[in-house]
PDB file of N, CA and C in Angstrom:
ATOM      1  N   MET A   1       0.840  -1.177   0.000  1.00  0.00           N
ATOM      2  CA  MET A   1       0.000   0.000   0.000  1.00  0.00           C
ATOM      3  C   MET A   1       0.888   1.244   0.000  1.00  0.00           C
ATOM      4  N   SER A   2       0.435   2.274  -0.671  1.00  0.00           N
ATOM      5  CA  SER A   2       1.199   3.518  -0.754  1.00  0.00           C
ATOM      6  C   SER A   2       1.303   4.196   0.606  1.00  0.00           C
ATOM      7  N   ALA A   3       2.395   4.905   0.780  1.00  0.00           N
ATOM      8  CA  ALA A   3       2.634   5.574   2.061  1.00  0.00           C
ATOM      9  C   ALA A   3       1.588   6.646   2.335  1.00  0.00           C
ATOM     10  N   TYR A   4       1.166   7.374   1.304  1.00  0.00           N
ATOM     11  CA  TYR A   4       0.176   8.428   1.532  1.00  0.00           C
ATOM     12  C   TYR A   4      -1.184   7.826   1.887  1.00  0.00           C
ATOM     13  N   LYS A   5      -1.507   6.650   1.346  1.00  0.00           N
ATOM     14  CA  LYS A   5      -2.766   5.988   1.709  1.00  0.00           C
ATOM     15  C   LYS A   5      -2.709   5.488   3.144  1.00  0.00           C
ATOM     16  N   GLN A   6      -1.547   4.988   3.551  1.00  0.00           N
ATOM     17  CA  GLN A   6      -1.382   4.542   4.929  1.00  0.00           C
ATOM     18  C   GLN A   6      -1.493   5.706   5.890  1.00  0.00           C
ATOM     19  N   ALA A   7      -1.056   6.899   5.444  1.00  0.00           N
ATOM     20  CA  ALA A   7      -1.155   8.087   6.289  1.00  0.00           C
ATOM     21  C   ALA A   7      -2.563   8.660   6.301  1.00  0.00           C
ATOM     22  N   GLY A   8      -3.410   8.185   5.384  1.00  0.00           N
ATOM     23  CA  GLY A   8      -4.798   8.643   5.351  1.00  0.00           C
ATOM     24  C   GLY A   8      -4.997   9.956   4.621  1.00  0.00           C
ATOM     25  N   ILE A   9      -4.125  10.277   3.661  1.00  0.00           N
ATOM     26  CA  ILE A   9      -4.283  11.514   2.899  1.00  0.00           C
ATOM     27  C   ILE A   9      -4.378  11.176   1.417  1.00  0.00           C
ATOM     28  N   SER A  10      -4.863  12.132   0.637  1.00  0.00           N
ATOM     29  CA  SER A  10      -5.007  11.923  -0.796  1.00  0.00           C
ATOM     30  C   SER A  10      -3.664  12.154  -1.496  1.00  0.00           C
ATOM     31  N   LEU A  11      -3.606  11.717  -2.744  1.00  0.00           N
ATOM     32  CA  LEU A  11      -2.383  11.907  -3.529  1.00  0.00           C
ATOM     33  C   LEU A  11      -2.090  13.394  -3.727  1.00  0.00           C
ATOM     34  N   ASN A  12      -3.122  14.201  -3.978  1.00  0.00           N
ATOM     35  CA  ASN A  12      -2.910  15.642  -4.157  1.00  0.00           C
ATOM     36  C   ASN A  12      -2.330  16.279  -2.907  1.00  0.00           C
ATOM     37  N   LYS A  13      -2.830  15.880  -1.748  1.00  0.00           N
ATOM     38  CA  LYS A  13      -2.316  16.428  -0.487  1.00  0.00           C
ATOM     39  C   LYS A  13      -0.867  15.995  -0.273  1.00  0.00           C
ATOM     40  N   ALA A  14      -0.551  14.742  -0.597  1.00  0.00           N
ATOM     41  CA  ALA A  14       0.828  14.252  -0.457  1.00  0.00           C
ATOM     42  C   ALA A  14       1.772  15.010  -1.380  1.00  0.00           C
ATOM     43  N   LEU A  15       1.333  15.269  -2.607  1.00  0.00           N
ATOM     44  CA  LEU A  15       2.164  16.032  -3.540  1.00  0.00           C
ATOM     45  C   LEU A  15       2.354  17.470  -3.078  1.00  0.00           C
ATOM     46  N   ALA A  16       1.312  18.072  -2.501  1.00  0.00           N
ATOM     47  CA  ALA A  16       1.424  19.438  -1.991  1.00  0.00           C
ATOM     48  C   ALA A  16       2.417  19.506  -0.832  1.00  0.00           C
ATOM     49  N   ILE A  17       2.377  18.515   0.020  1.00  0.00           N
ATOM     50  CA  ILE A  17       3.302  18.476   1.155  1.00  0.00           C
ATOM     51  C   ILE A  17       4.737  18.329   0.668  1.00  0.00           C
ATOM     52  N   SER A  18       4.957  17.433  -0.291  1.00  0.00           N
ATOM     53  CA  SER A  18       6.322  17.235  -0.790  1.00  0.00           C
ATOM     54  C   SER A  18       6.816  18.463  -1.558  1.00  0.00           C
ATOM     55  N   ALA A  19       5.947  19.133  -2.307  1.00  0.00           N
ATOM     56  CA  ALA A  19       6.345  20.345  -3.023  1.00  0.00           C
ATOM     57  C   ALA A  19       6.729  21.448  -2.042  1.00  0.00           C
ATOM     58  N   ARG A  20       5.973  21.566  -0.956  1.00  0.00           N
ATOM     59  CA  ARG A  20       6.281  22.567   0.061  1.00  0.00           C
ATOM     60  C   ARG A  20       7.628  22.269   0.715  1.00  0.00           C
ATOM     61  N   ALA A  21       7.913  20.993   0.957  1.00  0.00           N
ATOM     62  CA  ALA A  21       9.188  20.611   1.560  1.00  0.00           C
ATOM     63  C   ALA A  21      10.355  20.916   0.624  1.00  0.00           C
ATOM     64  N   VAL A  22      10.182  20.662  -0.668  1.00  0.00           N
ATOM     65  CA  VAL A  22      11.242  20.954  -1.636  1.00  0.00           C
ATOM     66  C   VAL A  22      11.476  22.456  -1.732  1.00  0.00           C
ATOM     67  N   ARG A  23      10.389  23.234  -1.792  1.00  0.00           N
ATOM     68  CA  ARG A  23      10.535  24.700  -1.877  1.00  0.00           C
ATOM     69  C   ARG A  23      11.229  25.264  -0.652  1.00  0.00           C
ATOM     70  N   SER A  24      10.944  24.716   0.528  1.00  0.00           N
ATOM     71  CA  SER A  24      11.577  25.236   1.743  1.00  0.00           C
ATOM     72  C   SER A  24      13.050  24.848   1.835  1.00  0.00           C
ATOM     73  N   ALA A  25      13.475  23.795   1.129  1.00  0.00           N
ATOM     74  CA  ALA A  25      14.860  23.347   1.182  1.00  0.00           C
ATOM     75  C   ALA A  25      15.752  24.041   0.158  1.00  0.00           C
ATOM     76  N   LEU A  26      15.172  24.845  -0.726  1.00  0.00           N
ATOM     77  CA  LEU A  26      15.955  25.497  -1.773  1.00  0.00           C
ATOM     78  C   LEU A  26      16.844  26.610  -1.225  1.00  0.00           C
ATOM     79  N   LYS A  27      17.886  26.921  -1.974  1.00  0.00           N
ATOM     80  CA  LYS A  27      18.743  28.049  -1.640  1.00  0.00           C
ATOM     81  C   LYS A  27      17.940  29.333  -1.819  1.00  0.00           C
ATOM     82  N   PRO A  28      18.293  30.405  -1.093  1.00  0.00           N
ATOM     83  CA  PRO A  28      17.510  31.642  -1.129  1.00  0.00           C
ATOM     84  C   PRO A  28      17.308  32.231  -2.534  1.00  0.00           C
ATOM     85  N   GLU A  29      18.315  32.141  -3.397  1.00  0.00           N
ATOM     86  CA  GLU A  29      18.172  32.748  -4.727  1.00  0.00           C
ATOM     87  C   GLU A  29      17.153  32.002  -5.591  1.00  0.00           C
ATOM     88  N   PHE A  30      16.919  30.730  -5.309  1.00  0.00           N
ATOM     89  CA  PHE A  30      15.938  29.954  -6.065  1.00  0.00           C
ATOM     90  C   PHE A  30      14.581  29.902  -5.358  1.00  0.00           C
ATOM     91  N   LYS A  31      14.588  30.206  -4.084  1.00  0.00           N
ATOM     92  CA  LYS A  31      13.388  30.080  -3.273  1.00  0.00           C
ATOM     93  C   LYS A  31      12.301  31.079  -3.673  1.00  0.00           C
ATOM     94  N   THR A  32      12.671  32.311  -3.995  1.00  0.00           N
ATOM     95  CA  THR A  32      11.668  33.318  -4.328  1.00  0.00           C
ATOM     96  C   THR A  32      10.909  32.948  -5.597  1.00  0.00           C
ATOM     97  N   VAL A  33      11.616  32.436  -6.586  1.00  0.00           N
ATOM     98  CA  VAL A  33      10.968  32.026  -7.837  1.00  0.00           C
ATOM     99  C   VAL A  33      10.046  30.838  -7.585  1.00  0.00           C
ATOM    100  N   ALA A  34      10.497  29.891  -6.797  1.00  0.00           N
ATOM    101  CA  ALA A  34       9.699  28.701  -6.513  1.00  0.00           C
ATOM    102  C   ALA A  34       8.468  29.035  -5.678  1.00  0.00           C
ATOM    103  N   ASP A  35       8.592  29.990  -4.761  1.00  0.00           N
ATOM    104  CA  ASP A  35       7.440  30.388  -3.948  1.00  0.00           C
ATOM    105  C   ASP A  35       6.348  30.999  -4.806  1.00  0.00           C
ATOM    106  N   ARG A  36       6.735  31.758  -5.830  1.00  0.00           N
ATOM    107  CA  ARG A  36       5.728  32.339  -6.729  1.00  0.00           C
ATOM    108  C   ARG A  36       4.998  31.260  -7.517  1.00  0.00           C
ATOM    109  N   ARG A  37       5.707  30.196  -7.871  1.00  0.00           N
ATOM    110  CA  ARG A  37       5.070  29.095  -8.600  1.00  0.00           C
ATOM    111  C   ARG A  37       4.088  28.331  -7.734  1.00  0.00           C
ATOM    112  N   GLY A  38       4.284  28.367  -6.423  1.00  0.00           N
ATOM    113  CA  GLY A  38       3.414  27.637  -5.510  1.00  0.00           C
ATOM    114  C   GLY A  38       2.061  28.285  -5.304  1.00  0.00           C
ATOM    115  N   LEU A  39       1.932  29.553  -5.683  1.00  0.00           N
ATOM    116  CA  LEU A  39       0.663  30.257  -5.523  1.00  0.00           C
ATOM    117  C   LEU A  39      -0.239  29.996  -6.722  1.00  0.00           C
ATOM    118  N   SER A  40      -1.507  29.902  -6.472  1.00  0.00           N
ATOM    119  CA  SER A  40      -2.462  29.739  -7.562  1.00  0.00           C
ATOM    120  C   SER A  40      -3.727  30.528  -7.254  1.00  0.00           C
ATOM    121  N   GLU A  41      -4.365  30.975  -8.284  1.00  0.00           N
ATOM    122  CA  GLU A  41      -5.595  31.735  -8.141  1.00  0.00           C
ATOM    123  C   GLU A  41      -6.673  31.011  -8.937  1.00  0.00           C
ATOM    124  N   VAL A  42      -7.782  30.741  -8.275  1.00  0.00           N
ATOM    125  CA  VAL A  42      -8.870  30.008  -8.916  1.00  0.00           C
ATOM    126  C   VAL A  42     -10.085  30.910  -9.009  1.00  0.00           C
ATOM    127  N   LYS A  43     -10.703  30.922 -10.175  1.00  0.00           N
ATOM    128  CA  LYS A  43     -11.920  31.693 -10.380  1.00  0.00           C
ATOM    129  C   LYS A  43     -13.026  30.757 -10.843  1.00  0.00           C
ATOM    130  N   ALA A  44     -14.246  31.064 -10.431  1.00  0.00           N
ATOM    131  CA  ALA A  44     -15.407  30.280 -10.838  1.00  0.00           C
ATOM    132  C   ALA A  44     -16.291  31.147 -11.713  1.00  0.00           C
ATOM    133  N   ILE A  45     -16.760  30.566 -12.788  1.00  0.00           N
ATOM    134  CA  ILE A  45     -17.642  31.281 -13.711  1.00  0.00           C
ATOM    135  C   ILE A  45     -18.950  30.514 -13.793  1.00  0.00           C
ATOM    136  N   LYS A  46     -20.037  31.192 -13.524  1.00  0.00           N
ATOM    137  CA  LYS A  46     -21.351  30.576 -13.570  1.00  0.00           C
ATOM    138  C   LYS A  46     -21.981  30.866 -14.930  1.00  0.00           C
ATOM    139  N   ILE A  47     -22.593  29.841 -15.521  1.00  0.00           N
ATOM    140  CA  ILE A  47     -23.252  29.995 -16.811  1.00  0.00           C
ATOM    141  C   ILE A  47     -24.730  29.695 -16.623  1.00  0.00           C
ATOM    142  N   GLU A  48     -25.578  30.669 -16.956  1.00  0.00           N
ATOM    143  CA  GLU A  48     -27.024  30.496 -16.847  1.00  0.00           C
ATOM    144  C   GLU A  48     -27.656  30.790 -18.198  1.00  0.00           C
ATOM    145  N   ASN A  49     -28.449  29.852 -18.686  1.00  0.00           N
ATOM    146  CA  ASN A  49     -29.144  29.981 -19.971  1.00  0.00           C
ATOM    147  C   ASN A  49     -28.177  30.295 -21.108  1.00  0.00           C
ATOM    148  N   GLY A  50     -26.994  29.699 -21.076  1.00  0.00           N
ATOM    149  CA  GLY A  50     -26.014  29.888 -22.128  1.00  0.00           C
ATOM    150  C   GLY A  50     -25.271  31.208 -22.074  1.00  0.00           C
ATOM    151  N   VAL A  51     -25.476  31.985 -21.009  1.00  0.00           N
ATOM    152  CA  VAL A  51     -24.809  33.279 -20.865  1.00  0.00           C
ATOM    153  C   VAL A  51     -23.827  33.195 -19.700  1.00  0.00           C
ATOM    154  N   GLN A  52     -22.594  33.600 -19.967  1.00  0.00           N
ATOM    155  CA  GLN A  52     -21.544  33.565 -18.962  1.00  0.00           C
ATOM    156  C   GLN A  52     -21.684  34.759 -18.026  1.00  0.00           C
ATOM    157  N   LYS A  53     -21.704  34.477 -16.721  1.00  0.00           N
ATOM    158  CA  LYS A  53     -21.778  35.544 -15.718  1.00  0.00           C
ATOM    159  C   LYS A  53     -20.359  35.989 -15.374  1.00  0.00           C
ATOM    160  N   GLU A  54     -20.267  36.950 -14.456  1.00  0.00           N
ATOM    161  CA  GLU A  54     -18.974  37.486 -14.041  1.00  0.00           C
ATOM    162  C   GLU A  54     -18.151  36.436 -13.292  1.00  0.00           C
ATOM    163  N   ALA A  55     -16.850  36.401 -13.577  1.00  0.00           N
ATOM    164  CA  ALA A  55     -15.943  35.480 -12.906  1.00  0.00           C
ATOM    165  C   ALA A  55     -15.689  35.965 -11.489  1.00  0.00           C
ATOM    166  N   LYS A  56     -15.782  35.043 -10.525  1.00  0.00           N
ATOM    167  CA  LYS A  56     -15.558  35.383  -9.122  1.00  0.00           C
ATOM    168  C   LYS A  56     -14.405  34.547  -8.584  1.00  0.00           C
ATOM    169  N   SER A  57     -13.525  35.191  -7.831  1.00  0.00           N
ATOM    170  CA  SER A  57     -12.404  34.490  -7.218  1.00  0.00           C
ATOM    171  C   SER A  57     -12.932  33.645  -6.064  1.00  0.00           C
ATOM    172  N   LEU A  58     -12.422  32.433  -5.924  1.00  0.00           N
ATOM    173  CA  LEU A  58     -12.863  31.564  -4.832  1.00  0.00           C
ATOM    174  C   LEU A  58     -12.289  31.997  -3.493  1.00  0.00           C
ATOM    175  N   ALA A  59     -11.307  32.888  -3.515  1.00  0.00           N
ATOM    176  CA  ALA A  59     -10.728  33.392  -2.277  1.00  0.00           C
ATOM    177  C   ALA A  59     -11.667  34.361  -1.569  1.00  0.00           C
ATOM    178  N   GLU A  60     -12.623  34.909  -2.302  1.00  0.00           N
ATOM    179  CA  GLU A  60     -13.548  35.886  -1.719  1.00  0.00           C
ATOM    180  C   GLU A  60     -14.630  35.234  -0.906  1.00  0.00           C
TER     181      GLU A  60
END
């Protein structure tokens, strides 16, 4: 059985944890670029009757 399944977490959560560990272990000159890659912005767009409504950020 996979280690992440034994720990009771999903594959996405395991990958996020390992990515965070790699980013924190980087040298300072590479760390700033990697930290920017770790951020993501998600927007949701609702469609009613074939018409696209305004995009809303899920952070709000």
